[in-house]
C-alpha atoms as a PDB file:
ATOM      1  CA  MET A   1      -5.677 -18.494   6.392  1.00  0.00           C
ATOM      2  CA  SER A   2      -6.612 -15.628   4.172  1.00  0.00           C
ATOM      3  CA  ILE A   3     -10.016 -14.155   4.431  1.00  0.00           C
ATOM      4  CA  GLN A   4     -11.319 -12.480   1.452  1.00  0.00           C
ATOM      5  CA  CYS A   5     -15.022 -10.894   0.509  1.00  0.00           C
ATOM      6  CA  GLU A   6     -16.558  -9.291  -2.376  1.00  0.00           C
ATOM      7  CA  PHE A   7     -17.026  -5.603  -2.751  1.00  0.00           C
ATOM      8  CA  SER A   8     -20.613  -4.307  -3.241  1.00  0.00           C
ATOM      9  CA  ASP A   9     -21.954  -2.612  -6.147  1.00  0.00           C
ATOM     10  CA  GLU A  10     -21.028   0.649  -4.344  1.00  0.00           C
ATOM     11  CA  GLY A  11     -17.508  -0.826  -3.253  1.00  0.00           C
ATOM     12  CA  LEU A  12     -16.644  -1.667  -6.657  1.00  0.00           C
ATOM     13  CA  LEU A  13     -17.514   2.230  -7.869  1.00  0.00           C
ATOM     14  CA  ASP A  14     -15.547   3.288  -5.409  1.00  0.00           C
ATOM     15  CA  ARG A  15     -12.800   1.034  -6.182  1.00  0.00           C
ATOM     16  CA  ASP A  16     -12.752   1.984 -10.126  1.00  0.00           C
ATOM     17  CA  LYS A  17     -12.912   5.552  -8.925  1.00  0.00           C
ATOM     18  CA  LEU A  18      -9.713   5.376  -6.700  1.00  0.00           C
ATOM     19  CA  GLN A  19      -7.728   3.388  -9.372  1.00  0.00           C
ATOM     20  CA  LYS A  20      -8.195   6.340 -11.509  1.00  0.00           C
ATOM     21  CA  VAL A  21      -6.162   8.191  -8.898  1.00  0.00           C
ATOM     22  CA  GLY A  22      -3.446   5.483  -8.845  1.00  0.00           C
ATOM     23  CA  MET A  23      -4.437   3.435  -6.138  1.00  0.00           C
ATOM     24  CA  GLN A  24      -4.103  -0.505  -5.901  1.00  0.00           C
ATOM     25  CA  ILE A  25      -7.339  -2.377  -4.805  1.00  0.00           C
ATOM     26  CA  PHE A  26      -5.412  -3.592  -1.171  1.00  0.00           C
ATOM     27  CA  GLU A  27      -5.138   0.466  -0.994  1.00  0.00           C
ATOM     28  CA  SER A  28      -8.641   1.058  -0.418  1.00  0.00           C
ATOM     29  CA  SER A  29      -9.800   1.593   3.571  1.00  0.00           C
ATOM     30  CA  LYS A  30     -13.083  -0.205   2.482  1.00  0.00           C
ATOM     31  CA  TYR A  31     -11.404  -3.411   1.302  1.00  0.00           C
ATOM     32  CA  LEU A  32      -9.215  -3.403   4.309  1.00  0.00           C
ATOM     33  CA  GLN A  33     -12.266  -2.311   6.706  1.00  0.00           C
ATOM     34  CA  CYS A  34     -13.906  -5.658   4.949  1.00  0.00           C
ATOM     35  CA  ARG A  35     -11.041  -7.905   5.560  1.00  0.00           C
ATOM     36  CA  HIS A  36     -10.893  -6.499   9.378  1.00  0.00           C
ATOM     37  CA  ASP A  37     -14.420  -7.676   9.556  1.00  0.00           C
ATOM     38  CA  SER A  38     -14.055 -10.818   8.098  1.00  0.00           C
ATOM     39  CA  GLN A  39     -11.195 -11.605  10.061  1.00  0.00           C
ATOM     40  CA  LYS A  40     -12.792 -10.350  13.742  1.00  0.00           C
ATOM     41  CA  TYR A  41     -15.741 -12.159  13.279  1.00  0.00           C
ATOM     42  CA  THR A  42     -14.374 -15.688  12.322  1.00  0.00           C
ATOM     43  CA  LEU A  43     -11.750 -15.513  14.981  1.00  0.00           C
ATOM     44  CA  ASP A  44     -13.067 -13.901  17.642  1.00  0.00           C
ATOM     45  CA  ASP A  45     -15.132 -17.011  19.016  1.00  0.00           C
ATOM     46  CA  PHE A  46     -12.095 -18.741  19.014  1.00  0.00           C
ATOM     47  CA  MET A  47     -10.194 -16.172  20.735  1.00  0.00           C
ATOM     48  CA  SER A  48     -10.791 -17.666  24.648  1.00  0.00           C
ATOM     49  CA  GLU A  49      -8.931 -21.005  23.486  1.00  0.00           C
ATOM     50  CA  MET A  50      -6.118 -18.719  21.890  1.00  0.00           C
ATOM     51  CA  SER A  51      -3.015 -19.263  23.818  1.00  0.00           C
ATOM     52  CA  LYS A  52      -1.411 -16.432  25.373  1.00  0.00           C
ATOM     53  CA  PHE A  53       0.760 -15.986  21.974  1.00  0.00           C
ATOM     54  CA  GLN A  54      -1.901 -16.945  19.564  1.00  0.00           C
ATOM     55  CA  LEU A  55      -3.687 -14.115  21.403  1.00  0.00           C
ATOM     56  CA  ALA A  56      -1.617 -11.659  21.191  1.00  0.00           C
ATOM     57  CA  SER A  57      -0.500 -12.078  17.554  1.00  0.00           C
ATOM     58  CA  HIS A  58      -4.242 -11.670  16.391  1.00  0.00           C
ATOM     59  CA  ILE A  59      -4.354  -8.497  18.305  1.00  0.00           C
ATOM     60  CA  ILE A  60      -1.315  -7.075  16.785  1.00  0.00           C
ATOM     61  CA  HIS A  61      -2.699  -7.790  13.467  1.00  0.00           C
ATOM     62  CA  LEU A  62      -5.865  -6.100  13.925  1.00  0.00           C
ATOM     63  CA  ASP A  63      -4.121  -3.422  15.473  1.00  0.00           C
ATOM     64  CA  ILE A  64      -2.511  -3.182  12.377  1.00  0.00           C
ATOM     65  CA  LEU A  65      -5.090  -3.078  10.168  1.00  0.00           C
ATOM     66  CA  MET A  66      -7.072  -0.634  12.088  1.00  0.00           C
ATOM     67  CA  GLU A  67      -3.909   1.868  11.761  1.00  0.00           C
ATOM     68  CA  ARG A  68      -3.896   1.096   7.998  1.00  0.00           C
ATOM     69  CA  ILE A  69      -7.336   1.580   7.374  1.00  0.00           C
ATOM     70  CA  LYS A  70      -6.573   5.264   8.676  1.00  0.00           C
ATOM     71  CA  VAL A  71      -4.033   5.619   6.612  1.00  0.00           C
ATOM     72  CA  TRP A  72      -6.170   4.978   3.537  1.00  0.00           C
ATOM     73  CA  GLN A  73      -8.983   7.220   5.179  1.00  0.00           C
ATOM     74  CA  ASP A  74      -7.001  10.269   5.692  1.00  0.00           C
ATOM     75  CA  PHE A  75      -5.820   9.523   1.914  1.00  0.00           C
ATOM     76  CA  GLU A  76      -9.293   9.153   0.577  1.00  0.00           C
ATOM     77  CA  ASN A  77     -10.550  12.285   2.647  1.00  0.00           C
ATOM     78  CA  SER A  78      -7.327  13.844   0.758  1.00  0.00           C
ATOM     79  CA  ARG A  79      -5.575  14.670   4.068  1.00  0.00           C
ATOM     80  CA  ILE A  80      -2.903  12.754   3.172  1.00  0.00           C
ATOM     81  CA  SER A  81      -0.585  12.658  -0.534  1.00  0.00           C
ATOM     82  CA  LEU A  82      -0.671   8.811  -1.958  1.00  0.00           C
ATOM     83  CA  SER A  83       2.867   8.497  -1.528  1.00  0.00           C
ATOM     84  CA  GLU A  84       2.378   9.264   1.835  1.00  0.00           C
ATOM     85  CA  ALA A  85      -0.239   7.064   2.421  1.00  0.00           C
ATOM     86  CA  ARG A  86       2.189   4.072   0.775  1.00  0.00           C
ATOM     87  CA  SER A  87       5.227   5.342   2.996  1.00  0.00           C
ATOM     88  CA  LYS A  88       3.164   5.171   6.321  1.00  0.00           C
ATOM     89  CA  ASN A  89       1.480   1.558   5.201  1.00  0.00           C
ATOM     90  CA  ARG A  90       4.710   0.134   4.273  1.00  0.00           C
ATOM     91  CA  VAL A  91       5.973   1.480   7.733  1.00  0.00           C
ATOM     92  CA  LEU A  92       3.089  -0.027   9.090  1.00  0.00           C
ATOM     93  CA  GLU A  93       3.816  -3.712   7.499  1.00  0.00           C
ATOM     94  CA  GLU A  94       7.331  -3.564   7.976  1.00  0.00           C
ATOM     95  CA  GLY A  95       6.867  -3.232  11.403  1.00  0.00           C
ATOM     96  CA  LEU A  96       4.416  -5.796  12.122  1.00  0.00           C
ATOM     97  CA  GLN A  97       7.004  -8.640  12.590  1.00  0.00           C
ATOM     98  CA  ASP A  98       8.524  -6.350  14.929  1.00  0.00           C
ATOM     99  CA  ARG A  99       5.572  -5.723  17.217  1.00  0.00           C
ATOM    100  CA  VAL A 100       5.179  -9.518  17.492  1.00  0.00           C
ATOM    101  CA  LYS A 101       8.255 -10.322  18.423  1.00  0.00           C
ATOM    102  CA  LYS A 102       8.342  -7.421  21.136  1.00  0.00           C
ATOM    103  CA  LYS A 103       4.830  -8.820  22.317  1.00  0.00           C
ATOM    104  CA  PHE A 104       6.261 -12.499  22.212  1.00  0.00           C
ATOM    105  CA  SER A 105       9.801 -11.412  24.035  1.00  0.00           C
ATOM    106  CA  GLU A 106       7.184  -9.483  27.333  1.00  0.00           C
ATOM    107  CA  LEU A 107       5.504 -12.516  27.597  1.00  0.00           C
ATOM    108  CA  LYS A 108       8.387 -14.886  27.920  1.00  0.00           C
ATOM    109  CA  VAL A 109       9.199 -12.608  30.608  1.00  0.00           C
ATOM    110  CA  LEU A 110       6.232 -13.095  32.059  1.00  0.00           C
ATOM    111  CA  ASN A 111       5.926 -16.710  32.465  1.00  0.00           C
END
């Protein structure tokens, strides 16, 4: 399932500004925040109905999104370079499955 949202006029202006410094649309913290907010409000109502594994996966995905948002905010506020931001973002994305597998292993031990 993919959740998307549209940019406001301000978001479109920021996107254009960030593209001028070499960023892609999915690297904008405002875009990621929008994705995070959309997912949060869509799935929070169902958290009580999720299995332990579904809930763990959901929480890990939200945690990764929050970490990615911070990375892109750091870039947008000139605290890190674009290459650093991309590197940190890639590490977070690539580590997602490992985090999920680790959590699932922990949950299996508890069962």
